[in-house]
Structure formats: C-alpha cells, structure tokens
Protein backbone atom coordinates (compact mmCIF):
# COMPACT_ATOMS: atom_id res chain seq x y z
CA UNK A 1 -8.04 -55.18 -20.24
CA UNK A 2 -6.32 -52.98 -17.68
CA UNK A 3 -7.47 -51.97 -14.22
CA UNK A 4 -6.28 -50.87 -10.81
CA UNK A 5 -6.13 -52.44 -7.39
CA UNK A 6 -6.46 -50.21 -4.35
CA UNK A 7 -5.56 -51.40 -0.86
CA UNK A 8 -8.50 -50.20 1.23
CA UNK A 9 -6.97 -51.57 4.42
CA UNK A 10 -3.63 -53.20 5.18
CA UNK A 11 -3.99 -53.82 8.91
CA UNK A 12 -4.66 -56.79 11.11
CA UNK A 13 -7.98 -57.49 12.85
CA UNK A 14 -7.46 -54.82 15.52
CA UNK A 15 -6.25 -52.19 13.09
CA UNK A 16 -3.23 -50.00 13.68
CA UNK A 17 -3.06 -48.01 15.92
CA UNK A 18 -4.32 -50.74 18.19
CA UNK A 19 -6.63 -49.66 21.00
CA UNK A 20 -4.78 -49.06 24.25
CA UNK A 21 -1.32 -49.41 22.70
CA UNK A 22 1.35 -46.71 22.78
CA UNK A 23 4.15 -48.54 20.97
CA UNK A 24 6.35 -46.82 18.38
CA UNK A 25 4.21 -48.01 15.45
CA UNK A 26 0.86 -47.16 17.04
CA UNK A 27 2.12 -43.63 17.79
CA UNK A 28 4.02 -43.23 14.52
CA UNK A 29 3.54 -39.99 12.53
CA UNK A 30 4.01 -41.98 9.29
CA UNK A 31 0.58 -42.25 7.65
CA UNK A 32 1.57 -45.65 6.25
CA UNK A 33 1.54 -47.01 9.82
CA UNK A 34 -2.16 -46.19 10.15
CA UNK A 35 -3.87 -49.35 8.94
CA UNK A 36 -7.56 -50.10 8.65
CA UNK A 37 -8.79 -53.69 8.44
CA UNK A 38 -7.78 -55.71 5.34
CA UNK A 39 -9.71 -55.18 2.11
CA UNK A 40 -9.07 -54.68 -1.61
CA UNK A 41 -10.87 -52.71 -4.34
CA UNK A 42 -10.41 -53.82 -7.95
CA UNK A 43 -11.57 -51.43 -10.63
CA UNK A 44 -11.57 -52.01 -14.40
CA UNK A 45 -13.53 -50.04 -16.95
CA UNK A 46 -16.71 -49.04 -15.16
CA UNK A 47 -16.68 -52.20 -13.02
CA UNK A 48 -15.87 -52.23 -9.31
CA UNK A 49 -15.24 -55.30 -7.17
CA UNK A 50 -14.42 -55.36 -3.45
CA UNK A 51 -12.85 -58.23 -1.55
CA UNK A 52 -14.17 -58.22 2.06
CA UNK A 53 -16.33 -55.55 3.69
CA UNK A 54 -14.48 -54.76 6.90
CA UNK A 55 -15.84 -52.89 9.93
CA UNK A 56 -14.09 -49.88 8.36
CA UNK A 57 -15.77 -50.29 4.96
CA UNK A 58 -17.72 -47.02 4.96
CA UNK A 59 -14.59 -45.03 5.81
CA UNK A 60 -12.57 -46.97 3.25
CA UNK A 61 -15.11 -46.50 0.46
CA UNK A 62 -15.42 -42.77 1.15
CA UNK A 63 -11.67 -42.30 1.30
CA UNK A 64 -11.08 -44.21 -1.93
CA UNK A 65 -14.13 -42.66 -3.63
CA UNK A 66 -15.53 -45.99 -4.80
CA UNK A 67 -18.25 -44.91 -7.24
CA UNK A 68 -20.32 -48.11 -7.41
CA UNK A 69 -20.17 -51.83 -6.73
CA UNK A 70 -20.69 -54.72 -9.11
CA UNK A 71 -19.65 -57.71 -6.97
CA UNK A 72 -18.38 -58.67 -3.53
CA UNK A 73 -15.94 -61.49 -2.85
CA UNK A 74 -15.31 -62.81 0.66
CA UNK A 75 -12.19 -64.57 1.88
CA UNK A 76 -13.89 -65.80 5.07
CA UNK A 77 -16.38 -64.74 7.72
CA UNK A 78 -14.26 -63.44 10.59
CA UNK A 79 -15.55 -60.13 11.95
CA UNK A 80 -12.73 -58.05 10.49
CA UNK A 81 -13.75 -59.20 7.00
CA UNK A 82 -17.57 -59.07 6.99
CA UNK A 83 -18.92 -56.66 9.59
CA UNK A 84 -19.17 -53.68 7.23
CA UNK A 85 -21.58 -55.50 4.92
CA UNK A 86 -24.58 -53.35 5.88
CA UNK A 87 -22.72 -50.31 4.53
CA UNK A 88 -23.10 -51.54 0.95
CA UNK A 89 -26.73 -50.30 1.05
CA UNK A 90 -26.06 -47.01 -0.78
CA UNK A 91 -24.48 -48.97 -3.63
CA UNK A 92 -27.80 -50.78 -4.07
CA UNK A 93 -29.63 -47.53 -4.76
CA UNK A 94 -28.40 -47.26 -8.35
CA UNK A 95 -28.73 -50.97 -9.14
CA UNK A 96 -31.99 -52.55 -10.27
CA UNK A 97 -30.66 -56.02 -9.43
CA UNK A 98 -29.21 -57.34 -6.14
CA UNK A 99 -25.46 -57.23 -5.60
CA UNK A 100 -23.80 -60.65 -5.99
CA UNK A 101 -21.64 -61.82 -3.08
CA UNK A 102 -19.30 -64.81 -3.42
CA UNK A 103 -17.55 -66.97 -0.85
CA UNK A 104 -17.01 -70.59 0.11
CA UNK A 105 -19.89 -72.57 1.64
CA UNK A 106 -18.95 -71.82 5.25
CA UNK A 107 -18.53 -68.12 4.61
CA UNK A 108 -21.85 -67.81 2.79
CA UNK A 109 -23.65 -69.69 5.57
CA UNK A 110 -22.11 -67.44 8.23
CA UNK A 111 -22.96 -64.23 6.35
CA UNK A 112 -26.56 -65.36 5.93
CA UNK A 113 -26.71 -66.16 9.66
CA UNK A 114 -25.03 -62.98 10.95
CA UNK A 115 -27.02 -60.74 8.59
CA UNK A 116 -30.21 -62.78 8.78
CA UNK A 117 -32.43 -59.70 8.34
CA UNK A 118 -30.96 -59.27 4.84
CA UNK A 119 -32.01 -62.74 3.71
CA UNK A 120 -35.05 -63.83 5.76
CA UNK A 121 -37.60 -62.23 3.44
CA UNK A 122 -39.38 -60.37 6.24
CA UNK A 123 -40.53 -56.83 5.39
CA UNK A 124 -38.27 -54.12 6.80
CA UNK A 125 -39.27 -50.59 7.74
CA UNK A 126 -35.96 -49.20 6.52
CA UNK A 127 -33.49 -49.97 3.73
CA UNK A 128 -31.43 -53.14 3.91
CA UNK A 129 -28.73 -54.44 1.58
CA UNK A 130 -30.04 -56.28 -1.46
CA UNK A 131 -27.70 -59.19 -2.01
CA UNK A 132 -27.70 -62.58 -3.64
CA UNK A 133 -25.11 -65.01 -2.26
CA UNK A 134 -23.24 -67.59 -4.30
CA UNK A 135 -21.09 -70.48 -3.08
CA UNK A 136 -17.94 -70.10 -5.16
CA UNK A 137 -16.49 -73.43 -6.21
CA UNK A 138 -15.26 -72.43 -9.69
CA UNK A 139 -14.12 -69.27 -11.46
CA UNK A 140 -16.66 -66.47 -11.85
CA UNK A 141 -16.77 -63.88 -14.61
CA UNK A 142 -17.60 -60.29 -13.70
CA UNK A 143 -18.05 -58.04 -16.73
CA UNK A 144 -15.37 -59.84 -18.73
CA UNK A 145 -12.86 -60.43 -15.90
CA UNK A 146 -12.28 -63.89 -14.47
CA UNK A 147 -12.04 -64.35 -10.70
CA UNK A 148 -10.68 -67.71 -9.58
CA UNK A 149 -11.11 -69.04 -6.03
CA UNK A 150 -7.91 -70.21 -4.35
CA UNK A 151 -8.66 -72.47 -1.36
CA UNK A 152 -6.10 -72.04 1.44
CA UNK A 153 -6.05 -72.63 5.19
CA UNK A 154 -6.27 -70.05 7.98
CA UNK A 155 -5.22 -72.35 10.82
CA UNK A 156 -7.78 -75.13 10.40
CA UNK A 157 -10.37 -72.88 8.72
CA UNK A 158 -10.83 -73.22 4.95
CA UNK A 159 -10.72 -69.73 3.42
CA UNK A 160 -10.36 -68.32 -0.08
CA UNK A 161 -7.77 -66.24 -1.85
CA UNK A 162 -8.52 -64.97 -5.35
CA UNK A 163 -6.68 -64.84 -8.64
CA UNK A 164 -7.74 -62.28 -11.26
CA UNK A 165 -5.71 -62.17 -14.44
CA UNK A 166 -1.99 -62.49 -13.60
CA UNK A 167 -2.63 -61.22 -10.06
CA UNK A 168 -3.61 -62.79 -6.74
CA UNK A 169 -4.71 -61.70 -3.27
CA UNK A 170 -4.33 -64.09 -0.33
CA UNK A 171 -4.83 -62.74 3.16
CA UNK A 172 -5.34 -64.63 6.43
CA UNK A 173 -3.52 -67.82 5.56
CA UNK A 174 -1.14 -70.20 7.28
CA UNK A 175 -0.90 -72.89 4.61
CA UNK A 176 -1.18 -72.87 0.81
CA UNK A 177 -1.88 -76.29 -0.77
CA UNK A 178 0.41 -77.48 -3.57
CA UNK A 179 -2.28 -77.14 -6.25
CA UNK A 180 -2.84 -73.49 -5.33
CA UNK A 181 0.91 -72.83 -5.29
CA UNK A 182 0.97 -73.82 -8.96
CA UNK A 183 -1.66 -71.14 -9.71
CA UNK A 184 0.54 -68.52 -8.04
CA UNK A 185 3.81 -68.98 -9.92
CA UNK A 186 5.17 -66.15 -12.03
CA UNK A 187 2.34 -63.66 -11.43
CA UNK A 188 2.58 -59.96 -12.16
CA UNK A 189 1.29 -59.06 -8.69
CA UNK A 190 0.98 -61.15 -5.53
CA UNK A 191 -0.51 -59.67 -2.34
CA UNK A 192 0.08 -61.88 0.70
CA UNK A 193 -0.60 -61.97 4.44
CA UNK A 194 2.51 -61.16 6.51
CA UNK A 195 1.27 -60.47 10.01
CA UNK A 196 4.44 -59.93 12.04
CA UNK A 197 7.99 -61.15 12.70
CA UNK A 198 7.10 -63.93 15.15
CA UNK A 199 5.33 -67.11 13.96
CA UNK A 200 1.55 -67.21 14.38
CA UNK A 201 -0.71 -70.30 14.40
CA UNK A 202 -3.16 -68.97 11.79
CA UNK A 203 -1.22 -66.37 9.79
CA UNK A 204 1.89 -66.21 7.67
CA UNK A 205 4.69 -64.19 9.22
CA UNK A 206 7.22 -62.02 7.40
CA UNK A 207 9.88 -64.71 6.98
CA UNK A 208 7.40 -67.27 5.65
CA UNK A 209 5.90 -64.82 3.17
CA UNK A 210 9.38 -63.86 1.95
CA UNK A 211 10.13 -67.56 1.45
CA UNK A 212 6.95 -67.97 -0.60
CA UNK A 213 7.76 -64.95 -2.75
CA UNK A 214 11.24 -66.33 -3.41
CA UNK A 215 9.70 -69.61 -4.55
CA UNK A 216 6.79 -68.16 -6.56
CA UNK A 217 8.79 -65.38 -8.25
CA UNK A 218 6.08 -62.77 -8.93
CA UNK A 219 7.14 -59.58 -10.70
CA UNK A 220 6.10 -57.67 -7.59
CA UNK A 221 4.79 -58.67 -4.17
CA UNK A 222 3.09 -56.69 -1.42
CA UNK A 223 2.42 -57.80 2.15
CA UNK A 224 -0.82 -57.00 3.97
CA UNK A 225 -2.76 -57.82 7.18
CA UNK A 226 0.07 -56.14 9.08
CA UNK A 227 0.18 -55.91 12.87
CA UNK A 228 1.77 -53.15 14.93
CA UNK A 229 5.02 -55.08 15.27
CA UNK A 230 6.04 -53.98 11.77
CA UNK A 231 6.81 -50.31 11.23
CA UNK A 232 6.43 -49.38 7.60
CA UNK A 233 9.66 -47.49 6.91
CA UNK A 234 12.01 -49.85 8.74
CA UNK A 235 10.38 -53.00 7.37
CA UNK A 236 10.24 -51.65 3.82
CA UNK A 237 13.95 -50.84 3.95
CA UNK A 238 14.72 -54.45 4.91
CA UNK A 239 12.84 -56.10 2.03
CA UNK A 240 14.43 -57.38 -1.20
CA UNK A 241 13.87 -55.74 -4.56
CA UNK A 242 10.32 -56.11 -5.84
CA UNK A 243 8.85 -56.82 -2.39
CA UNK A 244 7.00 -54.17 -0.40
CA UNK A 245 4.72 -53.57 2.54
CA UNK A 246 1.27 -52.52 1.41
CA UNK A 247 -0.32 -49.45 2.95
CA UNK A 248 -3.81 -48.00 3.02
CA UNK A 249 -4.55 -46.15 -0.21
CA UNK A 250 -1.86 -47.91 -2.25
CA UNK A 251 -3.07 -48.01 -5.87
CA UNK A 252 -1.43 -50.22 -8.49
CA UNK A 253 -2.12 -50.72 -12.22
CA UNK A 254 -2.92 -54.30 -13.20
CA UNK A 255 -3.75 -56.38 -16.23
CA UNK A 256 -7.07 -58.19 -15.80
CA UNK A 257 -6.76 -60.78 -18.58
C-alpha cells in the first residue's frame, strides 16, 4: 500500500519568522524559510492521518487541502503541538462517529484537561470537536496501516514518535532509548528533530541528528522542528547525500506496509 507524507509545518515552537526578529532567516525571501509549527499529514487511499494539531492547523489544512480526517496522533501536549485541536470540528461534520485521537497517558490527560469542554459531557450551544481519546501503548491499525508508538524523551518528558511501515517521524526529542533505535534502523524515510546548530537541553541539534542518521542508515532523512538559526539553502547545501531539511509543503511518496 502506497501513500504520501506532507510536512504541514517544519518550524520550532515560535515558528519562523519569529516574532520581533529581523535576522537573515526571519527576513529571508526563500519560502522554505517560512516555517509553521511542526506537524505531519499522512495520506493513503482515502485515509488521512495527522500527527499533532498545531496552533497553525487551520492554515496548514487549508494550504494542503486535507479532504478529511480519520485519526489524530499526538507526540506530546506542548502548546505548539495541540492548540489547534478545536479546528478539527469541520472534519467531524462528515463523520457519523467521533474522531479517534491517540497519545501516551500524559498527553491524553493534558488534552482532556486543556479541552475540557470537549469531554465533560455538558451540552454546548455551538459545535465542538467530537473525539474519543486512546492511550497508545501498542501499535494501532488505521484502515489497514499500522502505526507503532516509539517512546522517546524530550528532556525529562516522555513523548512519542511514530513508525508507519518503513517510515518514522520523531520530533521534539533529546534522547532515543536503545530499544527504539532498533526500530529505526534501515528505514525508507526518517524524519527527525534538528532544532539548531547549538546544543539544546530538550531537542536534538543538527550535529546529533546527523550522527543518528549515520548510525541508523535510512534511505532518506529529513530534519524538522527547525529554528531560525538554520537557513534552508545554506544548511541544505552542507548536508550529506540523502539528508535534507524539511520545509512546509514538502510531499513525499511512502510505502505504508
């Protein structure tokens, strides 16, 4: 089964341009330097899955022309990954059943707390998202495609990456446990956090992500969650063969099985 992955957003939590900044990247005319918050759309057949609903989700979904949603997966509950959740409401209109949303226990608890009005059962005068949350501790099948949770660390916070077929997406990480590393070897496509040049306490930087790619040997690798320290053209030119910076709107063919 074949599909596509579309990078809805490749930026860090502030987005790029960053408010109040006039650096070379924030003022760049290169459209690839304009980065919304990090999110991924996976489409296969008539099925559509989104990883993280950022504060930019409505803009991202309109720009990418996402036709429908069948499932949501959440890496973690930081604001740049969940705060667009209310904008899934129009995707409920054509669905008789609630939209499933998956994450680890902490993420699910935070989503249910932040968006309490969605889950408290109280009547609402206007439309609200219709969701059913699931704590994801094992692989989940969505219309014939298997999504596997990959527990990693974002500083001290347990977060999830996801493997689907011979592909994986891991954003917002600083440490990948050995068992997860084994699930990442020899993939067709690996999309990894690579925030900036300097080390960061809760994110992988460019050098660390390059080291991981060299060890894991995917056929192709793309870096995401990019801050305004990394200009697209200059950084891309410095990367080894098969390794790239992601950019908003990037669409790649993938195998899903």
